[in-house]
Protein backbone atom coordinates (compact mmCIF):
# COMPACT_ATOMS: atom_id res chain seq x y z
CA MET A 1 109.77 56.13 64.97
CA ASN A 2 113.26 57.21 65.95
CA LYS A 3 112.79 60.44 64.00
CA TYR A 4 109.55 61.29 65.84
CA ARG A 5 111.14 60.36 69.16
CA ASP A 6 114.01 62.78 68.45
CA ILE A 7 111.55 65.54 67.53
CA LEU A 8 109.63 64.97 70.76
CA ARG A 9 112.84 65.10 72.79
CA GLY A 10 113.79 68.33 71.06
CA LEU A 11 110.44 69.92 71.83
CA ARG A 12 110.70 68.86 75.47
CA LEU A 13 114.20 70.32 75.67
CA LEU A 14 113.01 73.64 74.22
CA SER A 15 110.11 73.72 76.68
CA SER A 16 112.48 73.11 79.59
CA ILE A 17 114.82 75.87 78.45
CA ALA A 18 111.91 78.31 78.04
CA ALA A 19 110.63 77.44 81.52
CA VAL A 20 114.05 78.13 83.07
CA LEU A 21 114.39 81.45 81.23
CA LEU A 22 110.90 82.46 82.28
CA MET A 23 111.65 81.69 85.93
CA GLN A 24 114.84 83.76 85.71
CA GLY A 25 112.93 86.68 84.16
CA LEU A 26 114.99 86.55 80.96
CA ILE A 27 111.91 86.25 78.77
CA SER A 28 108.35 87.46 79.25
CA ALA A 29 105.33 85.22 79.49
CA PRO A 30 103.23 85.58 76.30
CA ALA A 31 100.12 84.20 78.03
CA TYR A 32 98.08 87.34 77.41
CA ALA A 33 99.44 88.27 73.99
CA GLN A 34 95.92 87.99 72.53
CA ALA A 35 93.97 88.50 75.76
CA ARG A 36 90.85 90.55 76.33
CA ILE A 37 91.90 92.90 79.11
CA ALA A 38 89.85 94.99 81.55
CA SER A 39 90.94 97.46 84.22
CA LEU A 40 89.51 98.50 87.59
CA ASN A 41 92.13 101.18 88.23
CA LEU A 42 92.71 104.62 86.71
CA CYS A 43 96.46 104.16 86.30
CA MET A 44 96.01 100.71 84.75
CA ASP A 45 93.45 102.29 82.40
CA GLN A 46 95.96 104.78 81.10
CA ILE A 47 98.72 102.19 80.77
CA LEU A 48 96.45 99.95 78.69
CA LEU A 49 95.24 102.84 76.54
CA GLN A 50 98.78 104.01 75.81
CA TRP A 51 100.75 100.77 75.59
CA VAL A 52 98.31 98.02 74.54
CA ALA A 53 96.60 97.50 71.18
CA PRO A 54 93.04 98.93 71.33
CA GLU A 55 91.41 95.68 70.20
CA ARG A 56 92.74 93.92 73.32
CA ILE A 57 91.03 96.36 75.72
CA VAL A 58 87.42 95.61 76.68
CA SER A 59 86.87 97.91 79.67
CA VAL A 60 88.43 100.73 81.69
CA THR A 61 87.04 102.80 84.54
CA TRP A 62 84.67 105.69 84.01
CA LEU A 63 87.38 108.11 85.19
CA SER A 64 89.27 107.56 81.95
CA GLY A 65 86.27 108.95 80.11
CA GLU A 66 86.82 112.29 81.83
CA GLU A 67 88.93 114.92 80.06
CA HIS A 68 90.64 115.72 83.35
CA TYR A 69 92.31 112.31 83.47
CA ARG A 70 92.38 111.03 79.92
CA ARG A 71 95.84 111.05 78.36
CA ALA A 72 95.18 108.70 75.43
CA PRO A 73 92.37 108.16 72.91
CA LEU A 74 89.45 106.12 74.20
CA PRO A 75 88.27 103.52 71.62
CA GLU A 76 84.52 103.55 71.07
CA HIS A 77 84.08 99.85 71.85
CA VAL A 78 85.65 100.10 75.34
CA TYR A 79 83.10 99.83 78.15
CA LEU A 80 83.44 102.34 81.01
CA ASN A 81 82.96 100.51 84.29
CA ARG A 82 82.41 101.74 87.84
CA ALA A 83 84.40 98.94 89.46
CA GLN A 84 81.42 96.60 89.82
CA ALA A 85 82.01 92.87 89.31
CA GLU A 86 78.69 92.34 87.50
CA GLU A 87 79.70 94.89 84.84
CA LEU A 88 82.70 92.85 83.74
CA LEU A 89 81.13 89.39 83.72
CA PRO A 90 79.27 89.80 80.36
CA LEU A 91 82.48 91.13 78.76
CA LYS A 92 84.31 87.84 79.52
CA PRO A 93 87.77 89.36 80.00
CA ASP A 94 90.76 87.00 80.08
CA LEU A 95 92.68 89.35 82.36
CA ILE A 96 91.56 92.03 84.84
CA LEU A 97 94.07 94.53 86.17
CA THR A 98 93.55 96.37 89.41
CA GLY A 99 95.64 98.36 91.86
CA GLN A 100 97.03 97.16 95.13
CA TYR A 101 94.26 98.57 97.32
CA GLY A 102 91.40 99.87 95.16
CA ALA A 103 88.26 98.02 94.02
CA GLN A 104 88.88 95.26 96.56
CA ARG A 105 85.27 94.05 96.76
CA ALA A 106 84.96 93.73 92.98
CA SER A 107 88.39 92.09 92.73
CA GLN A 108 87.54 89.49 95.38
CA ARG A 109 84.19 88.72 93.77
CA LEU A 110 85.72 88.30 90.33
CA ASP A 111 88.40 86.06 91.85
CA GLN A 112 85.69 83.89 93.42
CA LEU A 113 83.92 83.62 90.08
CA GLY A 114 87.07 82.24 88.49
CA LEU A 115 88.21 85.26 86.48
CA HIS A 116 91.91 86.05 86.34
CA VAL A 117 92.57 89.18 88.43
CA VAL A 118 96.09 90.57 88.78
CA ARG A 119 96.81 93.21 91.42
CA ILE A 120 99.60 95.49 90.27
CA PRO A 121 101.52 97.07 93.19
CA ASP A 122 101.21 100.82 93.67
CA ALA A 123 104.28 103.06 93.38
CA TYR A 124 105.06 105.72 95.98
CA ASN A 125 108.83 105.76 95.46
CA LEU A 126 111.33 104.84 92.76
CA ALA A 127 111.98 101.32 94.09
CA GLN A 128 108.24 100.59 94.05
CA LEU A 129 107.98 102.11 90.57
CA GLN A 130 110.60 99.68 89.30
CA GLN A 131 108.68 96.82 90.92
CA GLN A 132 105.46 98.05 89.33
CA LEU A 133 106.97 98.16 85.85
CA ALA A 134 108.43 94.68 86.34
CA SER A 135 105.04 93.36 87.46
CA LEU A 136 103.35 94.92 84.44
CA GLN A 137 105.88 93.37 82.07
CA GLN A 138 105.49 89.97 83.69
CA THR A 139 101.71 90.23 83.32
CA LEU A 140 101.33 91.88 79.92
CA GLY A 141 104.36 90.46 78.15
CA ALA A 142 106.94 92.21 76.01
CA LEU A 143 105.25 95.51 75.18
CA PRO A 144 107.82 97.74 73.40
CA GLU A 145 106.83 100.94 75.25
CA LEU A 146 106.88 99.19 78.62
CA HIS A 147 110.31 97.67 77.97
CA GLN A 148 111.60 101.07 76.86
CA GLN A 149 110.23 102.74 79.99
CA ARG A 150 111.96 100.23 82.30
CA SER A 151 115.27 100.50 80.46
CA LYS A 152 115.23 104.29 80.33
CA LEU A 153 114.42 104.60 84.03
CA GLN A 154 117.34 102.34 84.97
CA SER A 155 119.66 104.25 82.64
CA LEU A 156 118.69 107.60 84.16
CA LEU A 157 119.14 106.29 87.70
CA ASP A 158 122.59 104.96 86.78
CA GLN A 159 123.71 108.39 85.56
CA ALA A 160 122.03 110.44 88.31
CA PRO A 161 124.35 113.00 89.99
CA GLU A 162 125.65 112.22 93.46
CA ALA A 163 123.95 113.91 96.41
CA ALA A 164 125.96 116.94 97.55
CA ALA A 165 125.45 119.94 99.79
CA GLY A 166 126.28 122.22 96.87
CA ASN A 167 123.47 120.97 94.68
CA PRO A 168 120.95 123.66 93.65
CA GLY A 169 117.95 124.03 95.90
CA ALA A 170 114.43 123.34 94.65
CA LEU A 171 110.98 123.62 96.17
CA ILE A 172 107.71 122.07 95.02
CA LEU A 173 104.67 124.29 95.33
CA SER A 174 101.23 122.85 94.66
CA ALA A 175 97.70 124.21 95.07
CA ASN A 176 97.03 125.87 98.45
CA ASN A 177 100.80 126.17 99.00
CA ILE A 178 101.20 122.42 99.58
CA THR A 179 104.79 121.20 99.29
CA TYR A 180 106.35 117.73 99.09
CA GLY A 181 108.97 116.58 101.58
CA ASP A 182 110.91 113.44 102.38
CA GLY A 183 109.14 110.14 101.79
CA MET A 184 107.44 111.14 98.54
CA LEU A 185 108.18 110.09 94.97
CA GLU A 186 108.38 113.76 94.00
CA HIS A 187 111.14 114.26 96.59
CA GLU A 188 113.07 111.30 95.19
CA LEU A 189 112.80 112.59 91.63
CA LEU A 190 114.16 115.97 92.72
CA THR A 191 117.09 114.55 94.66
CA ARG A 192 117.99 111.90 92.05
CA ALA A 193 118.01 114.67 89.44
CA GLY A 194 120.67 116.48 91.50
CA PHE A 195 118.64 119.00 93.51
CA ASN A 196 118.36 119.56 97.24
CA ASN A 197 114.70 119.53 98.24
CA LEU A 198 114.39 122.57 100.50
CA ALA A 199 111.11 121.30 101.99
CA ALA A 200 112.83 118.12 103.21
CA GLN A 201 115.69 120.21 104.61
CA GLN A 202 113.09 122.10 106.65
CA GLY A 203 112.01 118.80 108.20
CA ILE A 204 108.83 118.33 106.18
CA GLN A 205 107.84 114.67 105.92
CA GLN A 206 105.59 113.73 103.01
CA LEU A 207 103.15 116.63 102.59
CA GLY A 208 103.35 120.03 104.29
CA ARG A 209 102.42 123.64 103.72
CA VAL A 210 104.67 126.65 103.21
CA SER A 211 103.78 130.33 103.19
CA LEU A 212 104.89 132.67 100.44
CA GLU A 213 107.16 134.33 102.97
CA GLN A 214 108.89 130.97 103.57
CA VAL A 215 109.25 130.39 99.84
CA ILE A 216 110.92 133.77 99.44
CA ALA A 217 113.18 133.21 102.47
CA LEU A 218 114.32 129.79 101.23
CA GLN A 219 115.41 131.29 97.89
CA PRO A 220 115.08 128.12 95.78
CA GLN A 221 117.01 128.12 92.53
CA LEU A 222 114.20 126.13 90.96
CA LEU A 223 110.52 126.50 91.77
CA VAL A 224 108.51 123.41 90.85
CA PHE A 225 104.78 123.82 90.26
CA TYR A 226 102.47 120.81 90.16
CA GLY A 227 100.24 120.75 87.09
CA SER A 228 99.11 123.50 84.74
CA ASP A 229 97.53 126.90 85.38
CA GLN A 230 94.13 125.37 84.70
CA ASP A 231 94.66 122.69 87.36
CA PHE A 232 95.28 125.24 90.09
CA ALA A 233 92.62 127.84 89.33
CA ILE A 234 91.89 130.04 92.39
CA ALA A 235 93.86 127.74 94.69
CA HIS A 236 97.08 128.74 92.98
CA LEU A 237 96.90 132.51 93.00
CA ALA A 238 100.33 132.40 94.66
CA GLU A 239 101.81 132.25 91.16
CA ARG A 240 100.66 135.84 90.66
CA HIS A 241 102.91 137.08 93.49
CA PRO A 242 105.58 139.43 92.02
CA VAL A 243 108.52 137.46 93.47
CA LEU A 244 107.18 134.13 92.19
CA ARG A 245 106.32 135.80 88.90
CA ASN A 246 110.02 136.59 88.57
CA TYR A 247 110.83 132.85 88.70
CA ILE A 248 108.41 132.28 85.84
CA ASP A 249 109.71 135.16 83.76
CA THR A 250 113.33 134.01 84.15
CA GLY A 251 112.56 130.37 83.37
CA SER A 252 113.55 129.17 86.86
CA VAL A 253 110.47 126.96 87.07
CA TYR A 254 109.43 123.44 86.17
CA ARG A 255 105.93 121.98 86.06
CA LEU A 256 105.28 118.45 87.22
CA PRO A 257 102.60 116.83 85.04
CA GLN A 258 99.34 115.97 86.77
CA GLU A 259 99.59 112.27 85.80
CA LEU A 260 102.66 111.90 88.02
CA GLY A 261 100.22 111.96 90.92
CA PHE A 262 97.93 109.18 89.71
CA CYS A 263 100.12 107.14 87.34
CA PRO A 264 103.86 107.71 87.79
CA ALA A 265 104.65 104.75 85.51
CA LEU A 266 103.71 106.98 82.57
CA ALA A 267 105.33 110.21 83.76
CA ALA A 268 108.25 109.63 86.14
CA VAL A 269 110.87 108.81 83.49
CA GLU A 270 110.18 111.96 81.50
CA VAL A 271 110.08 114.07 84.67
CA LEU A 272 113.43 112.72 85.89
CA GLN A 273 115.05 113.34 82.52
CA GLN A 274 113.70 116.89 82.29
CA LEU A 275 114.73 117.72 85.86
CA MET A 276 118.25 116.48 85.13
CA GLU A 277 118.35 118.78 82.09
CA LYS A 278 117.04 121.65 84.20
CA ARG A 279 119.84 121.10 86.71
CA LYS A 280 122.42 121.28 83.92
CA GLU A 281 120.97 124.65 82.88
CA ILE A 282 121.17 125.99 86.42
CA VAL A 283 124.72 124.85 87.21
CA GLY A 284 125.95 125.75 83.74
CA GLN A 285 126.79 122.26 82.49
CA PRO A 286 126.64 121.55 78.73
């Protein structure tokens, strides 16, 4: 009896220690290690498809079936939903991921029906991105790629150059000559990589528009396009301008990937690292 009592005490002690570590965020909850997971959000779709074992995914949104958005293979068994609660009920998911604001009616209905819905916060700046990654890790457990993404982001932020007036100037130019100013994640990535965002210096808050004449007058040392040639089509004929063509020919350009706009958790770390490397090229650092 004494032996069994000692074993029971030991198990209780281990449980108490695990509970304390979990509360302190030192270990991840394994509650959904074998869960059937569904998503009602495009970004959550892509995170599941890239970081979670395919057999654990039961449904993602129909948008992830489109070539325009898909960044990872789509398993044949995964059901493509249109954010309707009744679509997910027969699938009996253990966990449903959704964004902070989207699919609210379906999320509320599924909540009422007793399914486990977790709303992952959106990310519009680097602080929110760190919170989003932390929330994902708390919900999904210790996924190697997710842990690596969090660690790499923190490492890059720790080694980011200090803001200085002498930093090279950069300007983001998207379709229809849209640019990104202060208050946007894209602005933060530029400045944390060691660039001065010329749009923000012109007083542009969030989104604004610049003419080609303004682009030429600002003389950015790096011109940042958003997405590929195919993404812009007719709306991005500005790239064909001789002056802008010179930026392309001399390699003084960088292209932000399209997924940065709809799922920065998958793209922001790589973008920040590449922008930091681009700055080193421009200022002549090894």
